[in-house]
Amino acid sequence: MNGVATFCDFIQAWLEANAARLGWTRARFSSDTERGKIAAGYEHLDCLFSVSGWENGCCLDIDVLTRSTGASHIVGAGPCANRDAAVERLESAARWIALHGRV
């Protein structure tokens, strides 16, 4: 993922490179380069979740809905100091989803 130009491109590349490893099934993806935003939706175990990124402030939000309970969780939100922090947020969310997504 070295050489990826923008923050949103970096997030998209990470998702494409890691979703299968994590067992995530992509439900939707949209990119708005004019506004500097991406949004992706995934399913895994008992969870539906969205990953949203914005160029402005290198923001990365990860929201999870647990289907069996209807509970909504924000497992990561706000700006990332750098790309390493974004990866840590994504990996942390993956651990949370794997732990809490079991039926």
PDB file of N, CA and C in Angstrom:
ATOM      1  N   MET A   1       0.819  -1.197   0.000  1.00  0.00           N
ATOM      2  CA  MET A   1       0.000   0.000   0.000  1.00  0.00           C
ATOM      3  C   MET A   1       0.865   1.265   0.000  1.00  0.00           C
ATOM      4  N   ASN A   2       2.159   1.063  -0.113  1.00  0.00           N
ATOM      5  CA  ASN A   2       3.033   2.222  -0.248  1.00  0.00           C
ATOM      6  C   ASN A   2       2.740   2.906  -1.569  1.00  0.00           C
ATOM      7  N   GLY A   3       2.836   4.203  -1.590  1.00  0.00           N
ATOM      8  CA  GLY A   3       2.616   4.945  -2.806  1.00  0.00           C
ATOM      9  C   GLY A   3       1.158   5.263  -3.095  1.00  0.00           C
ATOM     10  N   VAL A   4       0.245   4.880  -2.187  1.00  0.00           N
ATOM     11  CA  VAL A   4      -1.162   5.218  -2.373  1.00  0.00           C
ATOM     12  C   VAL A   4      -1.299   6.711  -2.095  1.00  0.00           C
ATOM     13  N   ALA A   5      -1.900   7.432  -3.027  1.00  0.00           N
ATOM     14  CA  ALA A   5      -1.877   8.896  -3.014  1.00  0.00           C
ATOM     15  C   ALA A   5      -2.640   9.534  -1.865  1.00  0.00           C
ATOM     16  N   THR A   6      -3.893   9.170  -1.671  1.00  0.00           N
ATOM     17  CA  THR A   6      -4.711   9.893  -0.702  1.00  0.00           C
ATOM     18  C   THR A   6      -5.073   9.001   0.479  1.00  0.00           C
ATOM     19  N   PHE A   7      -5.554   9.619   1.544  1.00  0.00           N
ATOM     20  CA  PHE A   7      -5.996   8.877   2.723  1.00  0.00           C
ATOM     21  C   PHE A   7      -7.118   7.908   2.359  1.00  0.00           C
ATOM     22  N   CYS A   8      -8.096   8.372   1.594  1.00  0.00           N
ATOM     23  CA  CYS A   8      -9.212   7.500   1.203  1.00  0.00           C
ATOM     24  C   CYS A   8      -8.736   6.352   0.326  1.00  0.00           C
ATOM     25  N   ASP A   9      -7.803   6.616  -0.592  1.00  0.00           N
ATOM     26  CA  ASP A   9      -7.234   5.546  -1.405  1.00  0.00           C
ATOM     27  C   ASP A   9      -6.535   4.516  -0.514  1.00  0.00           C
ATOM     28  N   PHE A  10      -5.848   5.005   0.512  1.00  0.00           N
ATOM     29  CA  PHE A  10      -5.151   4.127   1.443  1.00  0.00           C
ATOM     30  C   PHE A  10      -6.144   3.229   2.187  1.00  0.00           C
ATOM     31  N   ILE A  11      -7.238   3.812   2.678  1.00  0.00           N
ATOM     32  CA  ILE A  11      -8.253   3.031   3.394  1.00  0.00           C
ATOM     33  C   ILE A  11      -8.867   2.000   2.452  1.00  0.00           C
ATOM     34  N   GLN A  12      -9.209   2.412   1.251  1.00  0.00           N
ATOM     35  CA  GLN A  12      -9.776   1.481   0.275  1.00  0.00           C
ATOM     36  C   GLN A  12      -8.805   0.336  -0.005  1.00  0.00           C
ATOM     37  N   ALA A  13      -7.537   0.638  -0.194  1.00  0.00           N
ATOM     38  CA  ALA A  13      -6.533  -0.391  -0.470  1.00  0.00           C
ATOM     39  C   ALA A  13      -6.403  -1.345   0.714  1.00  0.00           C
ATOM     40  N   TRP A  14      -6.440  -0.815   1.943  1.00  0.00           N
ATOM     41  CA  TRP A  14      -6.356  -1.679   3.132  1.00  0.00           C
ATOM     42  C   TRP A  14      -7.564  -2.609   3.185  1.00  0.00           C
ATOM     43  N   LEU A  15      -8.749  -2.063   2.955  1.00  0.00           N
ATOM     44  CA  LEU A  15      -9.959  -2.889   2.985  1.00  0.00           C
ATOM     45  C   LEU A  15      -9.894  -3.991   1.927  1.00  0.00           C
ATOM     46  N   GLU A  16      -9.487  -3.644   0.722  1.00  0.00           N
ATOM     47  CA  GLU A  16      -9.397  -4.628  -0.360  1.00  0.00           C
ATOM     48  C   GLU A  16      -8.355  -5.702  -0.059  1.00  0.00           C
ATOM     49  N   ALA A  17      -7.270  -5.320   0.594  1.00  0.00           N
ATOM     50  CA  ALA A  17      -6.201  -6.262   0.899  1.00  0.00           C
ATOM     51  C   ALA A  17      -6.518  -7.150   2.100  1.00  0.00           C
ATOM     52  N   ASN A  18      -7.395  -6.716   2.996  1.00  0.00           N
ATOM     53  CA  ASN A  18      -7.584  -7.424   4.264  1.00  0.00           C
ATOM     54  C   ASN A  18      -8.969  -8.001   4.512  1.00  0.00           C
ATOM     55  N   ALA A  19      -9.974  -7.601   3.770  1.00  0.00           N
ATOM     56  CA  ALA A  19     -11.345  -8.057   4.044  1.00  0.00           C
ATOM     57  C   ALA A  19     -11.460  -9.581   3.992  1.00  0.00           C
ATOM     58  N   ALA A  20     -10.890 -10.209   2.997  1.00  0.00           N
ATOM     59  CA  ALA A  20     -10.986 -11.671   2.879  1.00  0.00           C
ATOM     60  C   ALA A  20     -10.288 -12.356   4.054  1.00  0.00           C
ATOM     61  N   ARG A  21      -9.126 -11.859   4.442  1.00  0.00           N
ATOM     62  CA  ARG A  21      -8.389 -12.423   5.583  1.00  0.00           C
ATOM     63  C   ARG A  21      -9.229 -12.371   6.846  1.00  0.00           C
ATOM     64  N   LEU A  22     -10.021 -11.312   7.000  1.00  0.00           N
ATOM     65  CA  LEU A  22     -10.835 -11.115   8.195  1.00  0.00           C
ATOM     66  C   LEU A  22     -12.203 -11.774   8.094  1.00  0.00           C
ATOM     67  N   GLY A  23     -12.528 -12.313   6.917  1.00  0.00           N
ATOM     68  CA  GLY A  23     -13.818 -12.961   6.738  1.00  0.00           C
ATOM     69  C   GLY A  23     -14.961 -11.998   6.500  1.00  0.00           C
ATOM     70  N   TRP A  24     -14.629 -10.778   6.081  1.00  0.00           N
ATOM     71  CA  TRP A  24     -15.646  -9.755   5.845  1.00  0.00           C
ATOM     72  C   TRP A  24     -16.202  -9.895   4.433  1.00  0.00           C
ATOM     73  N   THR A  25     -17.514  -9.768   4.310  1.00  0.00           N
ATOM     74  CA  THR A  25     -18.172  -9.771   3.006  1.00  0.00           C
ATOM     75  C   THR A  25     -18.637  -8.356   2.710  1.00  0.00           C
ATOM     76  N   ARG A  26     -18.176  -7.811   1.600  1.00  0.00           N
ATOM     77  CA  ARG A  26     -18.538  -6.426   1.267  1.00  0.00           C
ATOM     78  C   ARG A  26     -19.974  -6.375   0.757  1.00  0.00           C
ATOM     79  N   ALA A  27     -20.746  -5.469   1.324  1.00  0.00           N
ATOM     80  CA  ALA A  27     -22.134  -5.287   0.931  1.00  0.00           C
ATOM     81  C   ALA A  27     -22.297  -4.081   0.017  1.00  0.00           C
ATOM     82  N   ARG A  28     -21.445  -3.075   0.207  1.00  0.00           N
ATOM     83  CA  ARG A  28     -21.547  -1.877  -0.626  1.00  0.00           C
ATOM     84  C   ARG A  28     -20.233  -1.115  -0.551  1.00  0.00           C
ATOM     85  N   PHE A  29     -20.016  -0.271  -1.552  1.00  0.00           N
ATOM     86  CA  PHE A  29     -18.855   0.613  -1.554  1.00  0.00           C
ATOM     87  C   PHE A  29     -19.187   1.832  -2.394  1.00  0.00           C
ATOM     88  N   SER A  30     -18.839   3.001  -1.895  1.00  0.00           N
ATOM     89  CA  SER A  30     -18.985   4.214  -2.698  1.00  0.00           C
ATOM     90  C   SER A  30     -17.793   5.127  -2.437  1.00  0.00           C
ATOM     91  N   SER A  31     -17.461   5.869  -3.456  1.00  0.00           N
ATOM     92  CA  SER A  31     -16.346   6.799  -3.375  1.00  0.00           C
ATOM     93  C   SER A  31     -16.765   8.114  -4.023  1.00  0.00           C
ATOM     94  N   ASP A  32     -16.506   9.186  -3.338  1.00  0.00           N
ATOM     95  CA  ASP A  32     -16.796  10.521  -3.869  1.00  0.00           C
ATOM     96  C   ASP A  32     -15.491  11.309  -3.818  1.00  0.00           C
ATOM     97  N   THR A  33     -14.727  11.251  -4.912  1.00  0.00           N
ATOM     98  CA  THR A  33     -13.422  11.912  -4.928  1.00  0.00           C
ATOM     99  C   THR A  33     -13.550  13.424  -4.861  1.00  0.00           C
ATOM    100  N   GLU A  34     -14.645  13.958  -5.384  1.00  0.00           N
ATOM    101  CA  GLU A  34     -14.847  15.403  -5.334  1.00  0.00           C
ATOM    102  C   GLU A  34     -14.976  15.891  -3.887  1.00  0.00           C
ATOM    103  N   ARG A  35     -15.657  15.120  -3.066  1.00  0.00           N
ATOM    104  CA  ARG A  35     -15.831  15.471  -1.649  1.00  0.00           C
ATOM    105  C   ARG A  35     -14.761  14.846  -0.770  1.00  0.00           C
ATOM    106  N   GLY A  36     -13.950  13.941  -1.331  1.00  0.00           N
ATOM    107  CA  GLY A  36     -12.903  13.303  -0.544  1.00  0.00           C
ATOM    108  C   GLY A  36     -13.450  12.350   0.500  1.00  0.00           C
ATOM    109  N   LYS A  37     -14.350  11.453   0.078  1.00  0.00           N
ATOM    110  CA  LYS A  37     -14.995  10.548   1.021  1.00  0.00           C
ATOM    111  C   LYS A  37     -15.154   9.160   0.409  1.00  0.00           C
ATOM    112  N   ILE A  38     -15.000   8.139   1.260  1.00  0.00           N
ATOM    113  CA  ILE A  38     -15.359   6.779   0.881  1.00  0.00           C
ATOM    114  C   ILE A  38     -16.296   6.225   1.941  1.00  0.00           C
ATOM    115  N   ALA A  39     -17.112   5.278   1.546  1.00  0.00           N
ATOM    116  CA  ALA A  39     -17.992   4.584   2.484  1.00  0.00           C
ATOM    117  C   ALA A  39     -18.115   3.144   2.023  1.00  0.00           C
ATOM    118  N   ALA A  40     -17.889   2.219   2.939  1.00  0.00           N
ATOM    119  CA  ALA A  40     -17.992   0.795   2.625  1.00  0.00           C
ATOM    120  C   ALA A  40     -18.817   0.120   3.697  1.00  0.00           C
ATOM    121  N   GLY A  41     -19.614  -0.834   3.273  1.00  0.00           N
ATOM    122  CA  GLY A  41     -20.402  -1.613   4.213  1.00  0.00           C
ATOM    123  C   GLY A  41     -20.018  -3.080   4.115  1.00  0.00           C
ATOM    124  N   TYR A  42     -19.950  -3.741   5.259  1.00  0.00           N
ATOM    125  CA  TYR A  42     -19.541  -5.134   5.326  1.00  0.00           C
ATOM    126  C   TYR A  42     -20.450  -5.930   6.251  1.00  0.00           C
ATOM    127  N   GLU A  43     -20.387  -7.252   6.094  1.00  0.00           N
ATOM    128  CA  GLU A  43     -21.058  -8.189   6.987  1.00  0.00           C
ATOM    129  C   GLU A  43     -20.016  -9.166   7.496  1.00  0.00           C
ATOM    130  N   HIS A  44     -20.163  -9.550   8.752  1.00  0.00           N
ATOM    131  CA  HIS A  44     -19.326 -10.593   9.334  1.00  0.00           C
ATOM    132  C   HIS A  44     -20.024 -11.119  10.578  1.00  0.00           C
ATOM    133  N   LEU A  45     -20.180 -12.438  10.630  1.00  0.00           N
ATOM    134  CA  LEU A  45     -20.852 -13.072  11.755  1.00  0.00           C
ATOM    135  C   LEU A  45     -22.199 -12.390  11.993  1.00  0.00           C
ATOM    136  N   ASP A  46     -22.428 -11.886  13.197  1.00  0.00           N
ATOM    137  CA  ASP A  46     -23.710 -11.252  13.541  1.00  0.00           C
ATOM    138  C   ASP A  46     -23.668  -9.739  13.353  1.00  0.00           C
ATOM    139  N   CYS A  47     -22.672  -9.236  12.658  1.00  0.00           N
ATOM    140  CA  CYS A  47     -22.483  -7.788  12.548  1.00  0.00           C
ATOM    141  C   CYS A  47     -22.658  -7.274  11.120  1.00  0.00           C
ATOM    142  N   LEU A  48     -23.254  -6.107  11.033  1.00  0.00           N
ATOM    143  CA  LEU A  48     -23.233  -5.276   9.839  1.00  0.00           C
ATOM    144  C   LEU A  48     -22.439  -4.048  10.241  1.00  0.00           C
ATOM    145  N   PHE A  49     -21.540  -3.594   9.400  1.00  0.00           N
ATOM    146  CA  PHE A  49     -20.759  -2.431   9.805  1.00  0.00           C
ATOM    147  C   PHE A  49     -20.349  -1.583   8.624  1.00  0.00           C
ATOM    148  N   SER A  50     -20.104  -0.322   8.939  1.00  0.00           N
ATOM    149  CA  SER A  50     -19.680   0.622   7.910  1.00  0.00           C
ATOM    150  C   SER A  50     -18.320   1.190   8.276  1.00  0.00           C
ATOM    151  N   VAL A  51     -17.546   1.432   7.236  1.00  0.00           N
ATOM    152  CA  VAL A  51     -16.241   2.074   7.361  1.00  0.00           C
ATOM    153  C   VAL A  51     -16.313   3.309   6.478  1.00  0.00           C
ATOM    154  N   SER A  52     -16.148   4.480   7.076  1.00  0.00           N
ATOM    155  CA  SER A  52     -16.215   5.744   6.333  1.00  0.00           C
ATOM    156  C   SER A  52     -14.927   6.514   6.543  1.00  0.00           C
ATOM    157  N   GLY A  53     -14.387   7.037   5.460  1.00  0.00           N
ATOM    158  CA  GLY A  53     -13.167   7.821   5.541  1.00  0.00           C
ATOM    159  C   GLY A  53     -13.320   9.140   4.811  1.00  0.00           C
ATOM    160  N   TRP A  54     -12.663  10.158   5.329  1.00  0.00           N
ATOM    161  CA  TRP A  54     -12.691  11.495   4.733  1.00  0.00           C
ATOM    162  C   TRP A  54     -11.274  12.029   4.644  1.00  0.00           C
ATOM    163  N   GLU A  55     -10.973  12.646   3.513  1.00  0.00           N
ATOM    164  CA  GLU A  55      -9.670  13.291   3.334  1.00  0.00           C
ATOM    165  C   GLU A  55      -9.481  14.419   4.346  1.00  0.00           C
ATOM    166  N   ASN A  56     -10.518  15.201   4.544  1.00  0.00           N
ATOM    167  CA  ASN A  56     -10.458  16.324   5.468  1.00  0.00           C
ATOM    168  C   ASN A  56     -10.207  15.812   6.881  1.00  0.00           C
ATOM    169  N   GLY A  57      -9.028  16.064   7.401  1.00  0.00           N
ATOM    170  CA  GLY A  57      -8.689  15.647   8.751  1.00  0.00           C
ATOM    171  C   GLY A  57      -8.302  14.187   8.876  1.00  0.00           C
ATOM    172  N   CYS A  58      -8.201  13.464   7.765  1.00  0.00           N
ATOM    173  CA  CYS A  58      -7.889  12.026   7.802  1.00  0.00           C
ATOM    174  C   CYS A  58      -8.788  11.314   8.809  1.00  0.00           C
ATOM    175  N   CYS A  59     -10.083  11.552   8.677  1.00  0.00           N
ATOM    176  CA  CYS A  59     -11.055  10.963   9.596  1.00  0.00           C
ATOM    177  C   CYS A  59     -11.427   9.554   9.153  1.00  0.00           C
ATOM    178  N   LEU A  60     -11.640   8.692  10.127  1.00  0.00           N
ATOM    179  CA  LEU A  60     -12.019   7.307   9.880  1.00  0.00           C
ATOM    180  C   LEU A  60     -13.017   6.880  10.950  1.00  0.00           C
ATOM    181  N   ASP A  61     -14.242   6.578  10.520  1.00  0.00           N
ATOM    182  CA  ASP A  61     -15.299   6.146  11.433  1.00  0.00           C
ATOM    183  C   ASP A  61     -15.686   4.717  11.118  1.00  0.00           C
ATOM    184  N   ILE A  62     -15.880   3.928  12.172  1.00  0.00           N
ATOM    185  CA  ILE A  62     -16.308   2.538  12.024  1.00  0.00           C
ATOM    186  C   ILE A  62     -17.487   2.322  12.966  1.00  0.00           C
ATOM    187  N   ASP A  63     -18.641   2.048  12.373  1.00  0.00           N
ATOM    188  CA  ASP A  63     -19.887   1.853  13.120  1.00  0.00           C
ATOM    189  C   ASP A  63     -20.367   0.424  12.905  1.00  0.00           C
ATOM    190  N   VAL A  64     -20.805  -0.223  13.991  1.00  0.00           N
ATOM    191  CA  VAL A  64     -21.215  -1.622  13.936  1.00  0.00           C
ATOM    192  C   VAL A  64     -22.629  -1.774  14.470  1.00  0.00           C
ATOM    193  N   LEU A  65     -23.418  -2.570  13.777  1.00  0.00           N
ATOM    194  CA  LEU A  65     -24.753  -2.946  14.231  1.00  0.00           C
ATOM    195  C   LEU A  65     -24.741  -4.448  14.478  1.00  0.00           C
ATOM    196  N   THR A  66     -25.088  -4.847  15.695  1.00  0.00           N
ATOM    197  CA  THR A  66     -25.212  -6.263  16.012  1.00  0.00           C
ATOM    198  C   THR A  66     -26.635  -6.676  15.672  1.00  0.00           C
ATOM    199  N   ARG A  67     -26.784  -7.560  14.698  1.00  0.00           N
ATOM    200  CA  ARG A  67     -28.104  -7.910  14.193  1.00  0.00           C
ATOM    201  C   ARG A  67     -29.000  -8.548  15.254  1.00  0.00           C
ATOM    202  N   SER A  68     -28.474  -9.465  16.043  1.00  0.00           N
ATOM    203  CA  SER A  68     -29.313 -10.209  16.981  1.00  0.00           C
ATOM    204  C   SER A  68     -29.891  -9.335  18.087  1.00  0.00           C
ATOM    205  N   THR A  69     -29.174  -8.272  18.456  1.00  0.00           N
ATOM    206  CA  THR A  69     -29.653  -7.409  19.548  1.00  0.00           C
ATOM    207  C   THR A  69     -30.146  -6.054  19.061  1.00  0.00           C
ATOM    208  N   GLY A  70     -29.759  -5.685  17.846  1.00  0.00           N
ATOM    209  CA  GLY A  70     -30.102  -4.363  17.334  1.00  0.00           C
ATOM    210  C   GLY A  70     -29.245  -3.256  17.927  1.00  0.00           C
ATOM    211  N   ALA A  71     -28.223  -3.637  18.698  1.00  0.00           N
ATOM    212  CA  ALA A  71     -27.354  -2.645  19.337  1.00  0.00           C
ATOM    213  C   ALA A  71     -26.395  -2.035  18.318  1.00  0.00           C
ATOM    214  N   SER A  72     -26.202  -0.738  18.455  1.00  0.00           N
ATOM    215  CA  SER A  72     -25.298   0.005  17.589  1.00  0.00           C
ATOM    216  C   SER A  72     -24.071   0.421  18.393  1.00  0.00           C
ATOM    217  N   HIS A  73     -22.903   0.314  17.786  1.00  0.00           N
ATOM    218  CA  HIS A  73     -21.653   0.627  18.475  1.00  0.00           C
ATOM    219  C   HIS A  73     -20.758   1.447  17.554  1.00  0.00           C
ATOM    220  N   ILE A  74     -20.151   2.468  18.094  1.00  0.00           N
ATOM    221  CA  ILE A  74     -19.099   3.201  17.384  1.00  0.00           C
ATOM    222  C   ILE A  74     -17.788   2.637  17.911  1.00  0.00           C
ATOM    223  N   VAL A  75     -17.088   1.901  17.072  1.00  0.00           N
ATOM    224  CA  VAL A  75     -15.846   1.265  17.533  1.00  0.00           C
ATOM    225  C   VAL A  75     -14.608   2.060  17.140  1.00  0.00           C
ATOM    226  N   GLY A  76     -14.796   3.129  16.403  1.00  0.00           N
ATOM    227  CA  GLY A  76     -13.706   4.028  16.063  1.00  0.00           C
ATOM    228  C   GLY A  76     -14.270   5.244  15.366  1.00  0.00           C
ATOM    229  N   ALA A  77     -13.795   6.418  15.742  1.00  0.00           N
ATOM    230  CA  ALA A  77     -14.308   7.637  15.114  1.00  0.00           C
ATOM    231  C   ALA A  77     -13.314   8.775  15.275  1.00  0.00           C
ATOM    232  N   GLY A  78     -13.292   9.624  14.257  1.00  0.00           N
ATOM    233  CA  GLY A  78     -12.504  10.846  14.333  1.00  0.00           C
ATOM    234  C   GLY A  78     -11.228  10.785  13.511  1.00  0.00           C
ATOM    235  N   PRO A  79     -10.405  11.814  13.665  1.00  0.00           N
ATOM    236  CA  PRO A  79      -9.185  11.912  12.871  1.00  0.00           C
ATOM    237  C   PRO A  79      -8.134  10.886  13.303  1.00  0.00           C
ATOM    238  N   CYS A  80      -7.309  10.502  12.349  1.00  0.00           N
ATOM    239  CA  CYS A  80      -6.162   9.628  12.607  1.00  0.00           C
ATOM    240  C   CYS A  80      -4.896  10.464  12.433  1.00  0.00           C
ATOM    241  N   ALA A  81      -3.968  10.311  13.344  1.00  0.00           N
ATOM    242  CA  ALA A  81      -2.736  11.099  13.296  1.00  0.00           C
ATOM    243  C   ALA A  81      -1.912  10.800  12.049  1.00  0.00           C
ATOM    244  N   ASN A  82      -1.988   9.555  11.585  1.00  0.00           N
ATOM    245  CA  ASN A  82      -1.238   9.141  10.406  1.00  0.00           C
ATOM    246  C   ASN A  82      -1.818   7.821   9.903  1.00  0.00           C
ATOM    247  N   ARG A  83      -1.224   7.275   8.865  1.00  0.00           N
ATOM    248  CA  ARG A  83      -1.752   6.033   8.280  1.00  0.00           C
ATOM    249  C   ARG A  83      -1.578   4.843   9.218  1.00  0.00           C
ATOM    250  N   ASP A  84      -0.509   4.833  10.007  1.00  0.00           N
ATOM    251  CA  ASP A  84      -0.331   3.753  10.983  1.00  0.00           C
ATOM    252  C   ASP A  84      -1.470   3.762  12.001  1.00  0.00           C
ATOM    253  N   ALA A  85      -1.898   4.950  12.412  1.00  0.00           N
ATOM    254  CA  ALA A  85      -3.019   5.058  13.355  1.00  0.00           C
ATOM    255  C   ALA A  85      -4.314   4.570  12.713  1.00  0.00           C
ATOM    256  N   ALA A  86      -4.477   4.811  11.418  1.00  0.00           N
ATOM    257  CA  ALA A  86      -5.660   4.323  10.711  1.00  0.00           C
ATOM    258  C   ALA A  86      -5.660   2.799  10.666  1.00  0.00           C
ATOM    259  N   VAL A  87      -4.506   2.200  10.385  1.00  0.00           N
ATOM    260  CA  VAL A  87      -4.408   0.741  10.373  1.00  0.00           C
ATOM    261  C   VAL A  87      -4.718   0.181  11.756  1.00  0.00           C
ATOM    262  N   GLU A  88      -4.199   0.790  12.788  1.00  0.00           N
ATOM    263  CA  GLU A  88      -4.478   0.323  14.151  1.00  0.00           C
ATOM    264  C   GLU A  88      -5.968   0.410  14.455  1.00  0.00           C
ATOM    265  N   ARG A  89      -6.618   1.478  14.010  1.00  0.00           N
ATOM    266  CA  ARG A  89      -8.062   1.608  14.237  1.00  0.00           C
ATOM    267  C   ARG A  89      -8.821   0.505  13.495  1.00  0.00           C
ATOM    268  N   LEU A  90      -8.434   0.228  12.257  1.00  0.00           N
ATOM    269  CA  LEU A  90      -9.077  -0.833  11.484  1.00  0.00           C
ATOM    270  C   LEU A  90      -8.842  -2.202  12.121  1.00  0.00           C
ATOM    271  N   GLU A  91      -7.624  -2.481  12.547  1.00  0.00           N
ATOM    272  CA  GLU A  91      -7.315  -3.766  13.179  1.00  0.00           C
ATOM    273  C   GLU A  91      -8.038  -3.904  14.525  1.00  0.00           C
ATOM    274  N   SER A  92      -8.113  -2.822  15.274  1.00  0.00           N
ATOM    275  CA  SER A  92      -8.842  -2.839  16.545  1.00  0.00           C
ATOM    276  C   SER A  92     -10.323  -3.122  16.310  1.00  0.00           C
ATOM    277  N   ALA A  93     -10.895  -2.510  15.290  1.00  0.00           N
ATOM    278  CA  ALA A  93     -12.298  -2.762  14.950  1.00  0.00           C
ATOM    279  C   ALA A  93     -12.485  -4.219  14.534  1.00  0.00           C
ATOM    280  N   ALA A  94     -11.545  -4.758  13.773  1.00  0.00           N
ATOM    281  CA  ALA A  94     -11.633  -6.157  13.357  1.00  0.00           C
ATOM    282  C   ALA A  94     -11.633  -7.084  14.575  1.00  0.00           C
ATOM    283  N   ARG A  95     -10.790  -6.787  15.562  1.00  0.00           N
ATOM    284  CA  ARG A  95     -10.772  -7.598  16.788  1.00  0.00           C
ATOM    285  C   ARG A  95     -12.097  -7.489  17.539  1.00  0.00           C
ATOM    286  N   TRP A  96     -12.642  -6.272  17.612  1.00  0.00           N
ATOM    287  CA  TRP A  96     -13.919  -6.053  18.304  1.00  0.00           C
ATOM    288  C   TRP A  96     -15.036  -6.834  17.599  1.00  0.00           C
ATOM    289  N   ILE A  97     -15.080  -6.747  16.300  1.00  0.00           N
ATOM    290  CA  ILE A  97     -16.123  -7.433  15.516  1.00  0.00           C
ATOM    291  C   ILE A  97     -15.993  -8.945  15.683  1.00  0.00           C
ATOM    292  N   ALA A  98     -14.786  -9.476  15.640  1.00  0.00           N
ATOM    293  CA  ALA A  98     -14.588 -10.914  15.800  1.00  0.00           C
ATOM    294  C   ALA A  98     -15.027 -11.375  17.194  1.00  0.00           C
ATOM    295  N   LEU A  99     -14.769 -10.566  18.203  1.00  0.00           N
ATOM    296  CA  LEU A  99     -15.123 -10.914  19.582  1.00  0.00           C
ATOM    297  C   LEU A  99     -16.612 -10.783  19.856  1.00  0.00           C
ATOM    298  N   HIS A 100     -17.221  -9.688  19.391  1.00  0.00           N
ATOM    299  CA  HIS A 100     -18.612  -9.398  19.719  1.00  0.00           C
ATOM    300  C   HIS A 100     -19.617  -9.842  18.663  1.00  0.00           C
ATOM    301  N   GLY A 101     -19.138 -10.320  17.543  1.00  0.00           N
ATOM    302  CA  GLY A 101     -20.030 -10.674  16.453  1.00  0.00           C
ATOM    303  C   GLY A 101     -20.539 -12.095  16.482  1.00  0.00           C
ATOM    304  N   ARG A 102     -20.155 -12.843  17.468  1.00  0.00           N
ATOM    305  CA  ARG A 102     -20.591 -14.236  17.554  1.00  0.00           C
ATOM    306  C   ARG A 102     -22.033 -14.306  18.033  1.00  0.00           C
ATOM    307  N   VAL A 103     -22.782 -15.220  17.423  1.00  0.00           N
ATOM    308  CA  VAL A 103     -24.197 -15.388  17.806  1.00  0.00           C
ATOM    309  C   VAL A 103     -24.276 -16.355  18.961  1.00  0.00           C
TER     310      VAL A 103
END
